[in-house]
Amino acid sequence: MNNFSVIIVVFIIFLFGAIALKLTLEISKNVKIAENFRKQLLARLEKLPIINMLGKRNIDINKYLYSVPIIDIEKQLHNCDECSAKKECKDLLEKETEVEADYSFCANDDEFGNLNDK
């Protein structure tokens, strides 16, 4: 191997190393951004009865945040915020019930039911 070939090989190795480092840094940055976004989403959930409804239905909030697509969570937040059955929801959520309650009034009933099936 002549000197030129060695220089080319070293350059290619250096280039691949730089690309790998850049990808690692970008992935790390995106993970942090996603984590902050999910924290903000959790704060929004905590302002609405939806967080308590998830608890009543034995849906783990962390599993919910990481397994449900963001667009679906946004839709469910909107449904909860615009819900016309807020009084019925509040009454149910304040009750200490051991038996399976009727959640059919909830605008997110179908979506939450599907989460429990998984």
PDB file of N, CA and C in Angstrom:
ATOM      1  N   MET A   1       0.846  -1.171   0.000  1.00  0.00           N
ATOM      2  CA  MET A   1       0.000   0.000   0.000  1.00  0.00           C
ATOM      3  C   MET A   1       0.894   1.237   0.000  1.00  0.00           C
ATOM      4  N   ASN A   2       0.619   2.119  -0.904  1.00  0.00           N
ATOM      5  CA  ASN A   2       1.429   3.329  -0.942  1.00  0.00           C
ATOM      6  C   ASN A   2       0.833   4.375   0.003  1.00  0.00           C
ATOM      7  N   ASN A   3       1.548   5.473   0.165  1.00  0.00           N
ATOM      8  CA  ASN A   3       1.139   6.530   1.098  1.00  0.00           C
ATOM      9  C   ASN A   3      -0.215   7.137   0.739  1.00  0.00           C
ATOM     10  N   PHE A   4      -0.465   7.287  -0.550  1.00  0.00           N
ATOM     11  CA  PHE A   4      -1.743   7.876  -0.970  1.00  0.00           C
ATOM     12  C   PHE A   4      -2.917   6.991  -0.535  1.00  0.00           C
ATOM     13  N   SER A   5      -2.794   5.692  -0.677  1.00  0.00           N
ATOM     14  CA  SER A   5      -3.850   4.760  -0.276  1.00  0.00           C
ATOM     15  C   SER A   5      -4.084   4.821   1.233  1.00  0.00           C
ATOM     16  N   VAL A   6      -3.030   4.903   1.999  1.00  0.00           N
ATOM     17  CA  VAL A   6      -3.139   5.000   3.454  1.00  0.00           C
ATOM     18  C   VAL A   6      -3.871   6.280   3.837  1.00  0.00           C
ATOM     19  N   ILE A   7      -3.543   7.374   3.193  1.00  0.00           N
ATOM     20  CA  ILE A   7      -4.195   8.659   3.476  1.00  0.00           C
ATOM     21  C   ILE A   7      -5.690   8.572   3.149  1.00  0.00           C
ATOM     22  N   ILE A   8      -6.042   7.973   2.032  1.00  0.00           N
ATOM     23  CA  ILE A   8      -7.444   7.822   1.629  1.00  0.00           C
ATOM     24  C   ILE A   8      -8.188   6.959   2.649  1.00  0.00           C
ATOM     25  N   VAL A   9      -7.605   5.846   3.062  1.00  0.00           N
ATOM     26  CA  VAL A   9      -8.254   4.956   4.038  1.00  0.00           C
ATOM     27  C   VAL A   9      -8.453   5.677   5.365  1.00  0.00           C
ATOM     28  N   VAL A  10      -7.436   6.388   5.832  1.00  0.00           N
ATOM     29  CA  VAL A  10      -7.544   7.141   7.091  1.00  0.00           C
ATOM     30  C   VAL A  10      -8.619   8.216   6.956  1.00  0.00           C
ATOM     31  N   PHE A  11      -8.665   8.890   5.829  1.00  0.00           N
ATOM     32  CA  PHE A  11      -9.677   9.924   5.603  1.00  0.00           C
ATOM     33  C   PHE A  11     -11.084   9.323   5.634  1.00  0.00           C
ATOM     34  N   ILE A  12     -11.265   8.172   4.990  1.00  0.00           N
ATOM     35  CA  ILE A  12     -12.578   7.520   4.963  1.00  0.00           C
ATOM     36  C   ILE A  12     -12.984   7.077   6.367  1.00  0.00           C
ATOM     37  N   ILE A  13     -12.043   6.522   7.115  1.00  0.00           N
ATOM     38  CA  ILE A  13     -12.333   6.122   8.497  1.00  0.00           C
ATOM     39  C   ILE A  13     -12.714   7.341   9.329  1.00  0.00           C
ATOM     40  N   PHE A  14     -11.964   8.428   9.177  1.00  0.00           N
ATOM     41  CA  PHE A  14     -12.266   9.661   9.895  1.00  0.00           C
ATOM     42  C   PHE A  14     -13.652  10.187   9.506  1.00  0.00           C
ATOM     43  N   LEU A  15     -13.959  10.146   8.221  1.00  0.00           N
ATOM     44  CA  LEU A  15     -15.247  10.622   7.725  1.00  0.00           C
ATOM     45  C   LEU A  15     -16.399   9.802   8.304  1.00  0.00           C
ATOM     46  N   PHE A  16     -16.276   8.478   8.293  1.00  0.00           N
ATOM     47  CA  PHE A  16     -17.311   7.627   8.879  1.00  0.00           C
ATOM     48  C   PHE A  16     -17.453   7.873  10.381  1.00  0.00           C
ATOM     49  N   GLY A  17     -16.342   8.081  11.067  1.00  0.00           N
ATOM     50  CA  GLY A  17     -16.381   8.380  12.502  1.00  0.00           C
ATOM     51  C   GLY A  17     -17.108   9.692  12.768  1.00  0.00           C
ATOM     52  N   ALA A  18     -16.831  10.700  11.942  1.00  0.00           N
ATOM     53  CA  ALA A  18     -17.489  11.998  12.100  1.00  0.00           C
ATOM     54  C   ALA A  18     -18.992  11.884  11.847  1.00  0.00           C
ATOM     55  N   ILE A  19     -19.353  11.122  10.831  1.00  0.00           N
ATOM     56  CA  ILE A  19     -20.773  10.921  10.526  1.00  0.00           C
ATOM     57  C   ILE A  19     -21.460  10.174  11.672  1.00  0.00           C
ATOM     58  N   ALA A  20     -20.821   9.146  12.201  1.00  0.00           N
ATOM     59  CA  ALA A  20     -21.392   8.382  13.312  1.00  0.00           C
ATOM     60  C   ALA A  20     -21.562   9.267  14.545  1.00  0.00           C
ATOM     61  N   LEU A  21     -20.577  10.111  14.826  1.00  0.00           N
ATOM     62  CA  LEU A  21     -20.662  11.027  15.960  1.00  0.00           C
ATOM     63  C   LEU A  21     -21.793  12.027  15.763  1.00  0.00           C
ATOM     64  N   LYS A  22     -21.907  12.579  14.579  1.00  0.00           N
ATOM     65  CA  LYS A  22     -22.973  13.542  14.275  1.00  0.00           C
ATOM     66  C   LYS A  22     -24.354  12.895  14.426  1.00  0.00           C
ATOM     67  N   LEU A  23     -24.519  11.688  13.913  1.00  0.00           N
ATOM     68  CA  LEU A  23     -25.795  10.973  14.048  1.00  0.00           C
ATOM     69  C   LEU A  23     -26.130  10.707  15.511  1.00  0.00           C
ATOM     70  N   THR A  24     -25.147  10.293  16.284  1.00  0.00           N
ATOM     71  CA  THR A  24     -25.361  10.034  17.706  1.00  0.00           C
ATOM     72  C   THR A  24     -25.800  11.303  18.426  1.00  0.00           C
ATOM     73  N   LEU A  25     -25.152  12.411  18.142  1.00  0.00           N
ATOM     74  CA  LEU A  25     -25.515  13.682  18.777  1.00  0.00           C
ATOM     75  C   LEU A  25     -26.917  14.126  18.375  1.00  0.00           C
ATOM     76  N   GLU A  26     -27.274  13.969  17.111  1.00  0.00           N
ATOM     77  CA  GLU A  26     -28.603  14.355  16.631  1.00  0.00           C
ATOM     78  C   GLU A  26     -29.692  13.476  17.243  1.00  0.00           C
ATOM     79  N   ILE A  27     -29.434  12.189  17.340  1.00  0.00           N
ATOM     80  CA  ILE A  27     -30.408  11.286  17.949  1.00  0.00           C
ATOM     81  C   ILE A  27     -30.598  11.639  19.417  1.00  0.00           C
ATOM     82  N   SER A  28     -29.530  11.909  20.105  1.00  0.00           N
ATOM     83  CA  SER A  28     -29.604  12.305  21.518  1.00  0.00           C
ATOM     84  C   SER A  28     -30.405  13.591  21.680  1.00  0.00           C
ATOM     85  N   LYS A  29     -30.165  14.542  20.800  1.00  0.00           N
ATOM     86  CA  LYS A  29     -30.902  15.810  20.848  1.00  0.00           C
ATOM     87  C   LYS A  29     -32.392  15.580  20.606  1.00  0.00           C
ATOM     88  N   ASN A  30     -32.731  14.744  19.632  1.00  0.00           N
ATOM     89  CA  ASN A  30     -34.137  14.455  19.338  1.00  0.00           C
ATOM     90  C   ASN A  30     -34.825  13.728  20.487  1.00  0.00           C
ATOM     91  N   VAL A  31     -34.111  12.850  21.161  1.00  0.00           N
ATOM     92  CA  VAL A  31     -34.683  12.152  22.320  1.00  0.00           C
ATOM     93  C   VAL A  31     -35.007  13.156  23.427  1.00  0.00           C
ATOM     94  N   LYS A  32     -34.114  14.101  23.663  1.00  0.00           N
ATOM     95  CA  LYS A  32     -34.356  15.131  24.683  1.00  0.00           C
ATOM     96  C   LYS A  32     -35.537  16.020  24.305  1.00  0.00           C
ATOM     97  N   ILE A  33     -35.638  16.373  23.049  1.00  0.00           N
ATOM     98  CA  ILE A  33     -36.761  17.199  22.577  1.00  0.00           C
ATOM     99  C   ILE A  33     -38.074  16.436  22.772  1.00  0.00           C
ATOM    100  N   ALA A  34     -38.091  15.162  22.422  1.00  0.00           N
ATOM    101  CA  ALA A  34     -39.295  14.343  22.579  1.00  0.00           C
ATOM    102  C   ALA A  34     -39.667  14.219  24.055  1.00  0.00           C
ATOM    103  N   GLU A  35     -38.685  14.054  24.911  1.00  0.00           N
ATOM    104  CA  GLU A  35     -38.948  13.956  26.353  1.00  0.00           C
ATOM    105  C   GLU A  35     -39.559  15.249  26.881  1.00  0.00           C
ATOM    106  N   ASN A  36     -39.027  16.375  26.481  1.00  0.00           N
ATOM    107  CA  ASN A  36     -39.595  17.667  26.901  1.00  0.00           C
ATOM    108  C   ASN A  36     -41.010  17.848  26.360  1.00  0.00           C
ATOM    109  N   PHE A  37     -41.237  17.425  25.126  1.00  0.00           N
ATOM    110  CA  PHE A  37     -42.563  17.529  24.542  1.00  0.00           C
ATOM    111  C   PHE A  37     -43.564  16.690  25.325  1.00  0.00           C
ATOM    112  N   ARG A  38     -43.162  15.466  25.701  1.00  0.00           N
ATOM    113  CA  ARG A  38     -44.061  14.601  26.468  1.00  0.00           C
ATOM    114  C   ARG A  38     -44.330  15.170  27.864  1.00  0.00           C
ATOM    115  N   LYS A  39     -43.351  15.834  28.451  1.00  0.00           N
ATOM    116  CA  LYS A  39     -43.572  16.498  29.748  1.00  0.00           C
ATOM    117  C   LYS A  39     -44.594  17.625  29.606  1.00  0.00           C
ATOM    118  N   GLN A  40     -44.498  18.382  28.528  1.00  0.00           N
ATOM    119  CA  GLN A  40     -45.473  19.447  28.285  1.00  0.00           C
ATOM    120  C   GLN A  40     -46.856  18.860  28.013  1.00  0.00           C
ATOM    121  N   LEU A  41     -46.895  17.750  27.317  1.00  0.00           N
ATOM    122  CA  LEU A  41     -48.155  17.079  27.046  1.00  0.00           C
ATOM    123  C   LEU A  41     -48.781  16.574  28.350  1.00  0.00           C
ATOM    124  N   LEU A  42     -47.964  16.037  29.233  1.00  0.00           N
ATOM    125  CA  LEU A  42     -48.450  15.584  30.535  1.00  0.00           C
ATOM    126  C   LEU A  42     -49.026  16.752  31.330  1.00  0.00           C
ATOM    127  N   ALA A  43     -48.373  17.906  31.281  1.00  0.00           N
ATOM    128  CA  ALA A  43     -48.883  19.090  31.973  1.00  0.00           C
ATOM    129  C   ALA A  43     -50.256  19.489  31.424  1.00  0.00           C
ATOM    130  N   ARG A  44     -50.434  19.378  30.126  1.00  0.00           N
ATOM    131  CA  ARG A  44     -51.746  19.677  29.522  1.00  0.00           C
ATOM    132  C   ARG A  44     -52.787  18.651  29.951  1.00  0.00           C
ATOM    133  N   LEU A  45     -52.384  17.384  30.030  1.00  0.00           N
ATOM    134  CA  LEU A  45     -53.304  16.336  30.461  1.00  0.00           C
ATOM    135  C   LEU A  45     -53.759  16.572  31.900  1.00  0.00           C
ATOM    136  N   GLU A  46     -52.845  17.023  32.728  1.00  0.00           N
ATOM    137  CA  GLU A  46     -53.152  17.223  34.144  1.00  0.00           C
ATOM    138  C   GLU A  46     -54.135  18.362  34.386  1.00  0.00           C
ATOM    139  N   LYS A  47     -54.324  19.219  33.417  1.00  0.00           N
ATOM    140  CA  LYS A  47     -55.265  20.335  33.558  1.00  0.00           C
ATOM    141  C   LYS A  47     -56.704  19.932  33.246  1.00  0.00           C
ATOM    142  N   LEU A  48     -56.888  18.744  32.700  1.00  0.00           N
ATOM    143  CA  LEU A  48     -58.215  18.278  32.299  1.00  0.00           C
ATOM    144  C   LEU A  48     -58.558  16.979  33.033  1.00  0.00           C
ATOM    145  N   PRO A  49     -59.842  16.632  33.089  1.00  0.00           N
ATOM    146  CA  PRO A  49     -60.247  15.386  33.742  1.00  0.00           C
ATOM    147  C   PRO A  49     -59.713  14.128  33.063  1.00  0.00           C
ATOM    148  N   ILE A  50     -59.179  14.267  31.882  1.00  0.00           N
ATOM    149  CA  ILE A  50     -58.702  13.099  31.129  1.00  0.00           C
ATOM    150  C   ILE A  50     -57.657  12.313  31.926  1.00  0.00           C
ATOM    151  N   ILE A  51     -56.832  12.996  32.690  1.00  0.00           N
ATOM    152  CA  ILE A  51     -55.791  12.315  33.467  1.00  0.00           C
ATOM    153  C   ILE A  51     -56.418  11.404  34.515  1.00  0.00           C
ATOM    154  N   ASN A  52     -57.492  11.878  35.142  1.00  0.00           N
ATOM    155  CA  ASN A  52     -58.189  11.065  36.142  1.00  0.00           C
ATOM    156  C   ASN A  52     -58.963   9.929  35.486  1.00  0.00           C
ATOM    157  N   MET A  53     -59.499  10.187  34.308  1.00  0.00           N
ATOM    158  CA  MET A  53     -60.225   9.141  33.578  1.00  0.00           C
ATOM    159  C   MET A  53     -59.274   8.012  33.201  1.00  0.00           C
ATOM    160  N   LEU A  54     -58.070   8.351  32.803  1.00  0.00           N
ATOM    161  CA  LEU A  54     -57.084   7.318  32.483  1.00  0.00           C
ATOM    162  C   LEU A  54     -56.793   6.471  33.718  1.00  0.00           C
ATOM    163  N   GLY A  55     -56.649   7.133  34.864  1.00  0.00           N
ATOM    164  CA  GLY A  55     -56.400   6.414  36.107  1.00  0.00           C
ATOM    165  C   GLY A  55     -57.561   5.512  36.495  1.00  0.00           C
ATOM    166  N   LYS A  56     -58.781   6.017  36.375  1.00  0.00           N
ATOM    167  CA  LYS A  56     -59.968   5.216  36.701  1.00  0.00           C
ATOM    168  C   LYS A  56     -60.060   3.974  35.823  1.00  0.00           C
ATOM    169  N   ARG A  57     -59.564   4.096  34.616  1.00  0.00           N
ATOM    170  CA  ARG A  57     -59.654   2.975  33.671  1.00  0.00           C
ATOM    171  C   ARG A  57     -58.398   2.112  33.679  1.00  0.00           C
ATOM    172  N   ASN A  58     -57.551   2.330  34.675  1.00  0.00           N
ATOM    173  CA  ASN A  58     -56.313   1.547  34.858  1.00  0.00           C
ATOM    174  C   ASN A  58     -55.393   1.612  33.648  1.00  0.00           C
ATOM    175  N   ILE A  59     -55.296   2.808  33.071  1.00  0.00           N
ATOM    176  CA  ILE A  59     -54.382   3.024  31.944  1.00  0.00           C
ATOM    177  C   ILE A  59     -53.172   3.768  32.493  1.00  0.00           C
ATOM    178  N   ASP A  60     -52.021   3.152  32.396  1.00  0.00           N
ATOM    179  CA  ASP A  60     -50.786   3.749  32.891  1.00  0.00           C
ATOM    180  C   ASP A  60     -50.454   4.985  32.061  1.00  0.00           C
ATOM    181  N   ILE A  61     -50.277   6.112  32.723  1.00  0.00           N
ATOM    182  CA  ILE A  61     -50.058   7.384  32.019  1.00  0.00           C
ATOM    183  C   ILE A  61     -48.768   7.358  31.208  1.00  0.00           C
ATOM    184  N   ASN A  62     -47.720   6.750  31.719  1.00  0.00           N
ATOM    185  CA  ASN A  62     -46.464   6.691  30.962  1.00  0.00           C
ATOM    186  C   ASN A  62     -46.604   5.820  29.725  1.00  0.00           C
ATOM    187  N   LYS A  63     -47.271   4.691  29.872  1.00  0.00           N
ATOM    188  CA  LYS A  63     -47.515   3.827  28.710  1.00  0.00           C
ATOM    189  C   LYS A  63     -48.366   4.581  27.688  1.00  0.00           C
ATOM    190  N   TYR A  64     -49.359   5.296  28.177  1.00  0.00           N
ATOM    191  CA  TYR A  64     -50.233   6.087  27.312  1.00  0.00           C
ATOM    192  C   TYR A  64     -49.424   7.115  26.528  1.00  0.00           C
ATOM    193  N   LEU A  65     -48.581   7.868  27.214  1.00  0.00           N
ATOM    194  CA  LEU A  65     -47.808   8.930  26.557  1.00  0.00           C
ATOM    195  C   LEU A  65     -46.819   8.387  25.528  1.00  0.00           C
ATOM    196  N   TYR A  66     -46.297   7.195  25.766  1.00  0.00           N
ATOM    197  CA  TYR A  66     -45.269   6.669  24.878  1.00  0.00           C
ATOM    198  C   TYR A  66     -45.795   5.701  23.829  1.00  0.00           C
ATOM    199  N   SER A  67     -47.035   5.223  23.978  1.00  0.00           N
ATOM    200  CA  SER A  67     -47.523   4.257  22.997  1.00  0.00           C
ATOM    201  C   SER A  67     -48.630   4.800  22.097  1.00  0.00           C
ATOM    202  N   VAL A  68     -49.334   5.830  22.566  1.00  0.00           N
ATOM    203  CA  VAL A  68     -50.416   6.402  21.761  1.00  0.00           C
ATOM    204  C   VAL A  68     -49.832   7.496  20.869  1.00  0.00           C
ATOM    205  N   PRO A  69     -50.148   7.481  19.591  1.00  0.00           N
ATOM    206  CA  PRO A  69     -49.647   8.539  18.699  1.00  0.00           C
ATOM    207  C   PRO A  69     -50.063   9.929  19.195  1.00  0.00           C
ATOM    208  N   ILE A  70     -49.168  10.886  19.060  1.00  0.00           N
ATOM    209  CA  ILE A  70     -49.402  12.252  19.544  1.00  0.00           C
ATOM    210  C   ILE A  70     -50.676  12.834  18.941  1.00  0.00           C
ATOM    211  N   ILE A  71     -50.920  12.577  17.689  1.00  0.00           N
ATOM    212  CA  ILE A  71     -52.117  13.130  17.045  1.00  0.00           C
ATOM    213  C   ILE A  71     -53.385  12.598  17.715  1.00  0.00           C
ATOM    214  N   ASP A  72     -53.360  11.338  18.167  1.00  0.00           N
ATOM    215  CA  ASP A  72     -54.511  10.776  18.876  1.00  0.00           C
ATOM    216  C   ASP A  72     -54.662  11.407  20.258  1.00  0.00           C
ATOM    217  N   ILE A  73     -53.553  11.627  20.937  1.00  0.00           N
ATOM    218  CA  ILE A  73     -53.613  12.281  22.252  1.00  0.00           C
ATOM    219  C   ILE A  73     -54.155  13.697  22.104  1.00  0.00           C
ATOM    220  N   GLU A  74     -53.706  14.412  21.078  1.00  0.00           N
ATOM    221  CA  GLU A  74     -54.207  15.770  20.830  1.00  0.00           C
ATOM    222  C   GLU A  74     -55.719  15.747  20.596  1.00  0.00           C
ATOM    223  N   LYS A  75     -56.180  14.774  19.824  1.00  0.00           N
ATOM    224  CA  LYS A  75     -57.615  14.639  19.556  1.00  0.00           C
ATOM    225  C   LYS A  75     -58.374  14.351  20.847  1.00  0.00           C
ATOM    226  N   GLN A  76     -57.837  13.472  21.682  1.00  0.00           N
ATOM    227  CA  GLN A  76     -58.480  13.128  22.943  1.00  0.00           C
ATOM    228  C   GLN A  76     -58.497  14.315  23.905  1.00  0.00           C
ATOM    229  N   LEU A  77     -57.423  15.095  23.915  1.00  0.00           N
ATOM    230  CA  LEU A  77     -57.398  16.320  24.725  1.00  0.00           C
ATOM    231  C   LEU A  77     -58.489  17.286  24.266  1.00  0.00           C
ATOM    232  N   HIS A  78     -58.615  17.441  22.970  1.00  0.00           N
ATOM    233  CA  HIS A  78     -59.640  18.325  22.419  1.00  0.00           C
ATOM    234  C   HIS A  78     -61.037  17.818  22.783  1.00  0.00           C
ATOM    235  N   ASN A  79     -61.248  16.509  22.629  1.00  0.00           N
ATOM    236  CA  ASN A  79     -62.542  15.919  22.983  1.00  0.00           C
ATOM    237  C   ASN A  79     -62.879  16.184  24.444  1.00  0.00           C
ATOM    238  N   CYS A  80     -61.905  16.035  25.315  1.00  0.00           N
ATOM    239  CA  CYS A  80     -62.132  16.233  26.745  1.00  0.00           C
ATOM    240  C   CYS A  80     -62.409  17.702  27.046  1.00  0.00           C
ATOM    241  N   ASP A  81     -61.640  18.567  26.431  1.00  0.00           N
ATOM    242  CA  ASP A  81     -61.806  20.006  26.679  1.00  0.00           C
ATOM    243  C   ASP A  81     -63.166  20.505  26.200  1.00  0.00           C
ATOM    244  N   GLU A  82     -63.657  19.969  25.099  1.00  0.00           N
ATOM    245  CA  GLU A  82     -64.918  20.414  24.508  1.00  0.00           C
ATOM    246  C   GLU A  82     -66.121  19.551  24.929  1.00  0.00           C
ATOM    247  N   CYS A  83     -65.924  18.650  25.866  1.00  0.00           N
ATOM    248  CA  CYS A  83     -66.956  17.688  26.242  1.00  0.00           C
ATOM    249  C   CYS A  83     -68.174  18.376  26.866  1.00  0.00           C
ATOM    250  N   SER A  84     -69.347  17.868  26.508  1.00  0.00           N
ATOM    251  CA  SER A  84     -70.597  18.408  27.053  1.00  0.00           C
ATOM    252  C   SER A  84     -71.038  17.643  28.305  1.00  0.00           C
ATOM    253  N   ALA A  85     -70.337  16.580  28.669  1.00  0.00           N
ATOM    254  CA  ALA A  85     -70.711  15.764  29.828  1.00  0.00           C
ATOM    255  C   ALA A  85     -69.750  15.972  30.995  1.00  0.00           C
ATOM    256  N   LYS A  86     -69.243  17.190  31.157  1.00  0.00           N
ATOM    257  CA  LYS A  86     -68.240  17.442  32.200  1.00  0.00           C
ATOM    258  C   LYS A  86     -68.775  17.179  33.605  1.00  0.00           C
ATOM    259  N   LYS A  87     -70.043  17.499  33.853  1.00  0.00           N
ATOM    260  CA  LYS A  87     -70.610  17.274  35.188  1.00  0.00           C
ATOM    261  C   LYS A  87     -70.700  15.784  35.482  1.00  0.00           C
ATOM    262  N   GLU A  88     -71.209  15.024  34.530  1.00  0.00           N
ATOM    263  CA  GLU A  88     -71.303  13.573  34.700  1.00  0.00           C
ATOM    264  C   GLU A  88     -69.913  12.964  34.899  1.00  0.00           C
ATOM    265  N   CYS A  89     -68.957  13.461  34.153  1.00  0.00           N
ATOM    266  CA  CYS A  89     -67.571  12.993  34.260  1.00  0.00           C
ATOM    267  C   CYS A  89     -67.019  13.301  35.648  1.00  0.00           C
ATOM    268  N   LYS A  90     -67.192  14.523  36.088  1.00  0.00           N
ATOM    269  CA  LYS A  90     -66.688  14.933  37.399  1.00  0.00           C
ATOM    270  C   LYS A  90     -67.305  14.086  38.503  1.00  0.00           C
ATOM    271  N   ASP A  91     -68.622  13.858  38.425  1.00  0.00           N
ATOM    272  CA  ASP A  91     -69.303  13.041  39.428  1.00  0.00           C
ATOM    273  C   ASP A  91     -68.745  11.620  39.463  1.00  0.00           C
ATOM    274  N   LEU A  92     -68.545  11.030  38.298  1.00  0.00           N
ATOM    275  CA  LEU A  92     -68.012   9.671  38.229  1.00  0.00           C
ATOM    276  C   LEU A  92     -66.589   9.608  38.758  1.00  0.00           C
ATOM    277  N   LEU A  93     -65.772  10.577  38.382  1.00  0.00           N
ATOM    278  CA  LEU A  93     -64.371  10.556  38.792  1.00  0.00           C
ATOM    279  C   LEU A  93     -64.201  10.781  40.288  1.00  0.00           C
ATOM    280  N   GLU A  94     -65.148  11.470  40.921  1.00  0.00           N
ATOM    281  CA  GLU A  94     -65.066  11.717  42.360  1.00  0.00           C
ATOM    282  C   GLU A  94     -65.520  10.519  43.181  1.00  0.00           C
ATOM    283  N   LYS A  95     -66.291   9.615  42.576  1.00  0.00           N
ATOM    284  CA  LYS A  95     -66.769   8.425  43.276  1.00  0.00           C
ATOM    285  C   LYS A  95     -65.639   7.423  43.443  1.00  0.00           C
ATOM    286  N   GLU A  96     -65.646   6.772  44.582  1.00  0.00           N
ATOM    287  CA  GLU A  96     -64.715   5.669  44.817  1.00  0.00           C
ATOM    288  C   GLU A  96     -65.449   4.386  44.465  1.00  0.00           C
ATOM    289  N   THR A  97     -65.298   3.931  43.250  1.00  0.00           N
ATOM    290  CA  THR A  97     -66.004   2.732  42.815  1.00  0.00           C
ATOM    291  C   THR A  97     -65.022   1.601  42.579  1.00  0.00           C
ATOM    292  N   GLU A  98     -65.415   0.426  43.040  1.00  0.00           N
ATOM    293  CA  GLU A  98     -64.598  -0.764  42.832  1.00  0.00           C
ATOM    294  C   GLU A  98     -65.058  -1.536  41.602  1.00  0.00           C
ATOM    295  N   VAL A  99     -66.321  -1.362  41.229  1.00  0.00           N
ATOM    296  CA  VAL A  99     -66.866  -2.100  40.085  1.00  0.00           C
ATOM    297  C   VAL A  99     -66.646  -1.307  38.804  1.00  0.00           C
ATOM    298  N   GLU A 100     -66.731  -2.001  37.701  1.00  0.00           N
ATOM    299  CA  GLU A 100     -66.572  -1.364  36.383  1.00  0.00           C
ATOM    300  C   GLU A 100     -67.696  -0.358  36.167  1.00  0.00           C
ATOM    301  N   ALA A 101     -67.350   0.879  35.981  1.00  0.00           N
ATOM    302  CA  ALA A 101     -68.326   1.944  35.781  1.00  0.00           C
ATOM    303  C   ALA A 101     -68.685   2.057  34.300  1.00  0.00           C
ATOM    304  N   ASP A 102     -69.771   2.761  34.045  1.00  0.00           N
ATOM    305  CA  ASP A 102     -70.210   3.006  32.671  1.00  0.00           C
ATOM    306  C   ASP A 102     -69.581   4.317  32.201  1.00  0.00           C
ATOM    307  N   TYR A 103     -68.662   4.219  31.261  1.00  0.00           N
ATOM    308  CA  TYR A 103     -67.959   5.390  30.731  1.00  0.00           C
ATOM    309  C   TYR A 103     -68.479   5.788  29.362  1.00  0.00           C
ATOM    310  N   SER A 104     -69.624   5.275  28.969  1.00  0.00           N
ATOM    311  CA  SER A 104     -70.115   5.501  27.609  1.00  0.00           C
ATOM    312  C   SER A 104     -70.376   6.974  27.300  1.00  0.00           C
ATOM    313  N   PHE A 105     -70.558   7.803  28.321  1.00  0.00           N
ATOM    314  CA  PHE A 105     -70.778   9.236  28.101  1.00  0.00           C
ATOM    315  C   PHE A 105     -69.503   9.938  27.641  1.00  0.00           C
ATOM    316  N   CYS A 106     -68.362   9.329  27.899  1.00  0.00           N
ATOM    317  CA  CYS A 106     -67.064   9.954  27.618  1.00  0.00           C
ATOM    318  C   CYS A 106     -66.796   9.991  26.115  1.00  0.00           C
ATOM    319  N   ALA A 107     -66.392  11.148  25.646  1.00  0.00           N
ATOM    320  CA  ALA A 107     -66.092  11.315  24.220  1.00  0.00           C
ATOM    321  C   ALA A 107     -64.909  10.451  23.773  1.00  0.00           C
ATOM    322  N   ASN A 108     -64.095  10.025  24.720  1.00  0.00           N
ATOM    323  CA  ASN A 108     -62.925   9.206  24.414  1.00  0.00           C
ATOM    324  C   ASN A 108     -63.116   7.744  24.814  1.00  0.00           C
ATOM    325  N   ASP A 109     -64.351   7.356  25.086  1.00  0.00           N
ATOM    326  CA  ASP A 109     -64.632   6.008  25.589  1.00  0.00           C
ATOM    327  C   ASP A 109     -64.071   4.920  24.677  1.00  0.00           C
ATOM    328  N   ASP A 110     -64.320   5.026  23.385  1.00  0.00           N
ATOM    329  CA  ASP A 110     -63.847   3.997  22.452  1.00  0.00           C
ATOM    330  C   ASP A 110     -62.324   3.909  22.432  1.00  0.00           C
ATOM    331  N   GLU A 111     -61.666   5.068  22.392  1.00  0.00           N
ATOM    332  CA  GLU A 111     -60.203   5.072  22.342  1.00  0.00           C
ATOM    333  C   GLU A 111     -59.610   4.474  23.608  1.00  0.00           C
ATOM    334  N   PHE A 112     -60.173   4.831  24.765  1.00  0.00           N
ATOM    335  CA  PHE A 112     -59.649   4.307  26.030  1.00  0.00           C
ATOM    336  C   PHE A 112     -59.943   2.812  26.151  1.00  0.00           C
ATOM    337  N   GLY A 113     -61.091   2.395  25.660  1.00  0.00           N
ATOM    338  CA  GLY A 113     -61.413   0.968  25.664  1.00  0.00           C
ATOM    339  C   GLY A 113     -60.436   0.178  24.832  1.00  0.00           C
ATOM    340  N   ASN A 114     -60.038   0.739  23.704  1.00  0.00           N
ATOM    341  CA  ASN A 114     -59.060   0.066  22.843  1.00  0.00           C
ATOM    342  C   ASN A 114     -57.697  -0.025  23.526  1.00  0.00           C
ATOM    343  N   LEU A 115     -57.351   0.954  24.354  1.00  0.00           N
ATOM    344  CA  LEU A 115     -56.065   0.922  25.061  1.00  0.00           C
ATOM    345  C   LEU A 115     -56.034  -0.224  26.068  1.00  0.00           C
ATOM    346  N   ASN A 116     -57.144  -0.457  26.728  1.00  0.00           N
ATOM    347  CA  ASN A 116     -57.199  -1.543  27.704  1.00  0.00           C
ATOM    348  C   ASN A 116     -57.157  -2.907  27.046  1.00  0.00           C
ATOM    349  N   ASP A 117     -57.566  -2.978  25.790  1.00  0.00           N
ATOM    350  CA  ASP A 117     -57.556  -4.249  25.083  1.00  0.00           C
ATOM    351  C   ASP A 117     -56.153  -4.670  24.661  1.00  0.00           C
ATOM    352  N   LYS A 118     -55.226  -3.730  24.607  1.00  0.00           N
ATOM    353  CA  LYS A 118     -53.873  -4.021  24.133  1.00  0.00           C
ATOM    354  C   LYS A 118     -53.036  -4.703  25.191  1.00  0.00           C
TER     355      LYS A 118
END
